[in-house]
Amino acid sequence: MHPMDHSAYLAVRENATVLEADGSGDKVLLLEDGTILKLFRRKRLISSALVFPYARRFADNIQALKQRDIPCPDVIATYRIASISRDAVRYTPLPGLTLRQVLSQDGDHEQLRVELGAFIARLHDQGVYFRSLHLGNVILTPDAKLGLIDISDMKCQRRALSQRKRLRNFQHLLRYKNDRAWLVDGDAGSAFVAAYAQGRTSRFIAQLKSLLA
């Protein structure tokens, strides 16, 4: 990680748009050049973030996704900004629209359910466990591929996810009422499950259908 002094931070932040903030300050900034600066605060004085900073984890997750040929942002650099007690990662955002944005537009989105089911299956088969899995974090790129953003809360392993982890990850996805409605209302669940469950055991398919019911 690169140290960034306060004057350099102020210069980078000049004319930035605050995309996300909380009571402790800025969290995500859209910089003047179109790149993103994501800021991380250590919540405790003694924390694993001292040894393995959140900004570094974010960058490592991006590298892991790129190794698996999954579209995601491009990291420019990671920083430690001591003057504001923050670590940061600067990156180029993944172009496209979130699936929530796509679904807000008129059109037939039936095929998108199938593509999403296959995409999540690919993530799980490649060992990607994305706790923040929801339609606001999945991007449809201009070349019609699905990719991921906001991947701080992610773990990647060498082996495919176990059935238990797969089902648990679906529980994360189904926490969001509107996401769940689009995925499983009517015959939608059948198309989504069929795309995800191709080649899975009948027992797992039954468990997944029960979860989506």
Protein backbone atom coordinates (compact mmCIF):
# COMPACT_ATOMS: atom_id res chain seq x y z
CA MET A 1 0.00 0.00 0.00
CA HIS A 2 1.20 3.51 -0.80
CA PRO A 3 1.27 6.26 1.82
CA MET A 4 -0.75 9.35 0.82
CA ASP A 5 -0.16 12.58 2.71
CA HIS A 6 -3.00 14.95 3.50
CA SER A 7 -2.23 17.48 0.76
CA ALA A 8 -2.22 14.72 -1.83
CA TYR A 9 -5.54 13.42 -0.49
CA LEU A 10 -7.10 16.87 -0.69
CA ALA A 11 -5.85 17.26 -4.26
CA VAL A 12 -7.33 13.89 -5.27
CA ARG A 13 -10.60 14.68 -3.51
CA GLU A 14 -11.03 18.12 -5.09
CA ASN A 15 -14.30 18.35 -7.08
CA ALA A 16 -15.16 14.75 -6.17
CA THR A 17 -18.77 13.62 -5.84
CA VAL A 18 -19.67 11.80 -2.63
CA LEU A 19 -21.43 8.58 -3.62
CA GLU A 20 -21.63 7.11 -0.12
CA ALA A 21 -21.01 8.44 3.39
CA ASP A 22 -21.99 7.78 6.97
CA GLY A 23 -21.68 9.50 10.33
CA SER A 24 -17.93 8.89 10.33
CA GLY A 25 -17.32 10.56 6.97
CA ASP A 26 -16.94 9.78 3.30
CA LYS A 27 -16.96 6.15 2.18
CA VAL A 28 -17.03 6.25 -1.63
CA LEU A 29 -15.97 9.17 -3.85
CA LEU A 30 -16.38 9.59 -7.60
CA LEU A 31 -13.28 11.52 -8.59
CA GLU A 32 -13.06 14.16 -11.28
CA ASP A 33 -11.37 11.77 -13.72
CA GLY A 34 -14.16 9.18 -13.41
CA THR A 35 -12.29 6.80 -11.12
CA ILE A 36 -13.55 5.73 -7.70
CA LEU A 37 -11.86 6.16 -4.33
CA LYS A 38 -13.27 3.77 -1.74
CA LEU A 39 -12.31 4.59 1.86
CA PHE A 40 -12.09 2.07 4.69
CA ARG A 41 -12.14 2.84 8.41
CA ARG A 42 -10.87 0.48 11.08
CA LYS A 43 -13.73 0.10 13.53
CA ARG A 44 -11.53 -1.14 16.37
CA LEU A 45 -8.11 -0.09 17.58
CA ILE A 46 -6.87 -3.67 17.53
CA SER A 47 -8.07 -5.34 14.37
CA SER A 48 -6.96 -7.77 11.67
CA ALA A 49 -7.24 -4.75 9.35
CA LEU A 50 -3.93 -3.56 10.79
CA VAL A 51 -2.19 -6.56 9.23
CA PHE A 52 -4.54 -7.20 6.30
CA PRO A 53 -6.18 -3.85 5.42
CA TYR A 54 -9.65 -3.82 3.89
CA ALA A 55 -8.33 -1.91 0.88
CA ARG A 56 -5.82 -4.68 0.24
CA ARG A 57 -8.55 -7.31 0.57
CA PHE A 58 -10.64 -5.42 -1.99
CA ALA A 59 -7.71 -5.36 -4.42
CA ASP A 60 -6.94 -9.04 -3.81
CA ASN A 61 -10.58 -9.96 -4.47
CA ILE A 62 -10.43 -8.14 -7.79
CA GLN A 63 -7.28 -10.04 -8.71
CA ALA A 64 -8.97 -13.33 -7.79
CA LEU A 65 -11.96 -12.51 -10.00
CA LYS A 66 -9.76 -11.53 -12.91
CA GLN A 67 -7.92 -14.85 -12.61
CA ARG A 68 -11.32 -16.50 -13.05
CA ASP A 69 -12.18 -14.25 -16.03
CA ILE A 70 -15.10 -12.63 -14.19
CA PRO A 71 -15.71 -8.97 -15.18
CA CYS A 72 -15.00 -6.56 -12.32
CA PRO A 73 -13.40 -3.14 -11.69
CA ASP A 74 -9.71 -2.43 -12.39
CA VAL A 75 -7.56 -1.46 -9.41
CA ILE A 76 -5.25 1.53 -9.84
CA ALA A 77 -3.63 1.59 -6.38
CA THR A 78 -4.20 1.13 -2.66
CA TYR A 79 -3.29 3.80 -0.10
CA ARG A 80 -2.87 4.43 3.61
CA ILE A 81 -4.04 7.96 4.47
CA ALA A 82 -2.80 8.47 8.01
CA SER A 83 -4.12 12.04 8.33
CA ILE A 84 -7.75 10.84 8.21
CA SER A 85 -7.11 7.35 9.65
CA ARG A 86 -8.28 5.64 6.48
CA ASP A 87 -7.07 3.09 3.98
CA ALA A 88 -8.29 3.46 0.41
CA VAL A 89 -8.42 1.78 -2.94
CA ARG A 90 -8.69 3.68 -6.20
CA TYR A 91 -10.18 1.86 -9.13
CA THR A 92 -11.78 2.20 -12.52
CA PRO A 93 -15.46 1.21 -12.26
CA LEU A 94 -16.87 -1.64 -14.30
CA PRO A 95 -18.96 -0.11 -17.11
CA GLY A 96 -22.58 -1.06 -17.45
CA LEU A 97 -25.82 -1.08 -15.46
CA THR A 98 -26.70 -2.97 -12.31
CA LEU A 99 -29.40 -5.57 -12.78
CA ARG A 100 -31.70 -3.43 -10.64
CA GLN A 101 -31.20 -0.58 -13.10
CA VAL A 102 -31.80 -2.90 -16.05
CA LEU A 103 -35.01 -4.21 -14.51
CA SER A 104 -36.29 -0.67 -13.99
CA GLN A 105 -36.33 -0.24 -17.77
CA ASP A 106 -39.05 -1.50 -20.07
CA GLY A 107 -38.36 -4.72 -21.91
CA ASP A 108 -38.39 -8.49 -21.70
CA HIS A 109 -35.96 -9.60 -19.01
CA GLU A 110 -36.81 -13.31 -18.95
CA GLN A 111 -33.53 -14.42 -20.50
CA LEU A 112 -31.65 -12.40 -17.92
CA ARG A 113 -32.89 -14.75 -15.17
CA VAL A 114 -31.40 -17.68 -17.05
CA GLU A 115 -28.11 -15.85 -17.55
CA LEU A 116 -27.99 -14.88 -13.88
CA GLY A 117 -28.60 -18.46 -12.76
CA ALA A 118 -25.76 -19.68 -14.96
CA PHE A 119 -23.52 -16.83 -13.78
CA ILE A 120 -24.04 -17.60 -10.09
CA ALA A 121 -23.40 -21.29 -10.80
CA ARG A 122 -20.11 -20.30 -12.43
CA LEU A 123 -19.14 -18.20 -9.41
CA HIS A 124 -19.85 -21.08 -7.04
CA ASP A 125 -18.11 -23.64 -9.24
CA GLN A 126 -15.02 -21.42 -9.24
CA GLY A 127 -15.01 -21.06 -5.47
CA VAL A 128 -16.38 -17.51 -5.20
CA TYR A 129 -18.44 -16.84 -2.08
CA PHE A 130 -19.85 -13.31 -2.36
CA ARG A 131 -21.71 -12.35 0.81
CA SER A 132 -23.04 -9.13 -0.73
CA LEU A 133 -24.68 -10.97 -3.61
CA HIS A 134 -27.74 -9.01 -4.78
CA LEU A 135 -29.01 -7.46 -8.00
CA GLY A 136 -27.45 -4.10 -7.13
CA ASN A 137 -23.97 -5.64 -7.17
CA VAL A 138 -24.27 -7.55 -10.45
CA ILE A 139 -23.48 -5.53 -13.57
CA LEU A 140 -24.65 -6.10 -17.14
CA THR A 141 -21.75 -4.78 -19.19
CA PRO A 142 -22.05 -3.10 -22.61
CA ASP A 143 -20.92 -6.35 -24.25
CA ALA A 144 -23.76 -8.24 -22.49
CA LYS A 145 -21.63 -10.01 -19.88
CA LEU A 146 -22.39 -10.22 -16.18
CA GLY A 147 -19.83 -8.96 -13.69
CA LEU A 148 -19.47 -7.97 -10.04
CA ILE A 149 -18.91 -4.74 -8.12
CA ASP A 150 -18.54 -3.80 -4.43
CA ILE A 151 -16.62 -6.98 -3.74
CA SER A 152 -15.12 -6.15 -0.33
CA ASP A 153 -17.08 -8.91 1.42
CA MET A 154 -15.92 -11.88 -0.62
CA LYS A 155 -13.85 -15.00 -0.24
CA CYS A 156 -12.38 -17.03 -3.07
CA GLN A 157 -11.21 -20.60 -2.66
CA ARG A 158 -9.56 -23.05 -5.01
CA ARG A 159 -12.31 -25.63 -4.88
CA ALA A 160 -15.97 -25.25 -5.81
CA LEU A 161 -18.26 -24.21 -2.99
CA SER A 162 -19.90 -26.90 -0.90
CA GLN A 163 -23.66 -27.34 -1.13
CA ARG A 164 -24.01 -25.75 2.31
CA LYS A 165 -22.15 -22.61 1.22
CA ARG A 166 -24.12 -22.45 -2.04
CA LEU A 167 -27.44 -22.49 -0.21
CA ARG A 168 -26.20 -19.98 2.34
CA ASN A 169 -25.15 -17.65 -0.47
CA PHE A 170 -28.64 -17.88 -1.97
CA GLN A 171 -30.02 -16.83 1.39
CA HIS A 172 -27.99 -13.62 1.06
CA LEU A 173 -29.51 -13.01 -2.37
CA LEU A 174 -33.06 -13.69 -1.20
CA ARG A 175 -32.92 -11.20 1.68
CA TYR A 176 -33.98 -8.43 -0.70
CA LYS A 177 -37.75 -8.44 -1.30
CA ASN A 178 -37.74 -7.00 -4.83
CA ASP A 179 -34.80 -9.16 -5.93
CA ARG A 180 -36.56 -12.26 -4.63
CA ALA A 181 -39.83 -11.33 -6.31
CA TRP A 182 -38.18 -10.98 -9.71
CA LEU A 183 -36.23 -14.21 -9.33
CA VAL A 184 -38.96 -16.54 -8.13
CA ASP A 185 -42.43 -15.12 -8.91
CA GLY A 186 -44.56 -17.35 -11.12
CA ASP A 187 -42.50 -19.58 -13.39
CA ALA A 188 -39.42 -17.39 -12.94
CA GLY A 189 -38.01 -19.60 -10.20
CA SER A 190 -38.09 -22.65 -12.47
CA ALA A 191 -36.05 -20.92 -15.18
CA PHE A 192 -33.58 -19.52 -12.67
CA VAL A 193 -33.14 -22.83 -10.84
CA ALA A 194 -32.81 -24.78 -14.08
CA ALA A 195 -30.02 -22.52 -15.28
CA TYR A 196 -28.18 -22.71 -11.96
CA ALA A 197 -28.78 -26.38 -11.20
CA GLN A 198 -27.68 -27.94 -14.49
CA GLY A 199 -25.64 -30.99 -13.56
CA ARG A 200 -26.44 -30.78 -9.81
CA THR A 201 -27.77 -33.65 -7.75
CA SER A 202 -31.52 -34.06 -7.40
CA ARG A 203 -31.17 -33.64 -3.63
CA PHE A 204 -29.48 -30.27 -4.01
CA ILE A 205 -32.04 -29.12 -6.58
CA ALA A 206 -34.82 -30.01 -4.16
CA GLN A 207 -33.10 -28.05 -1.39
CA LEU A 208 -32.69 -25.03 -3.65
CA LYS A 209 -36.32 -25.14 -4.78
CA SER A 210 -37.41 -25.33 -1.15
CA LEU A 211 -35.30 -22.28 -0.34
CA LEU A 212 -36.84 -20.32 -3.22
CA ALA A 213 -40.40 -21.37 -2.42
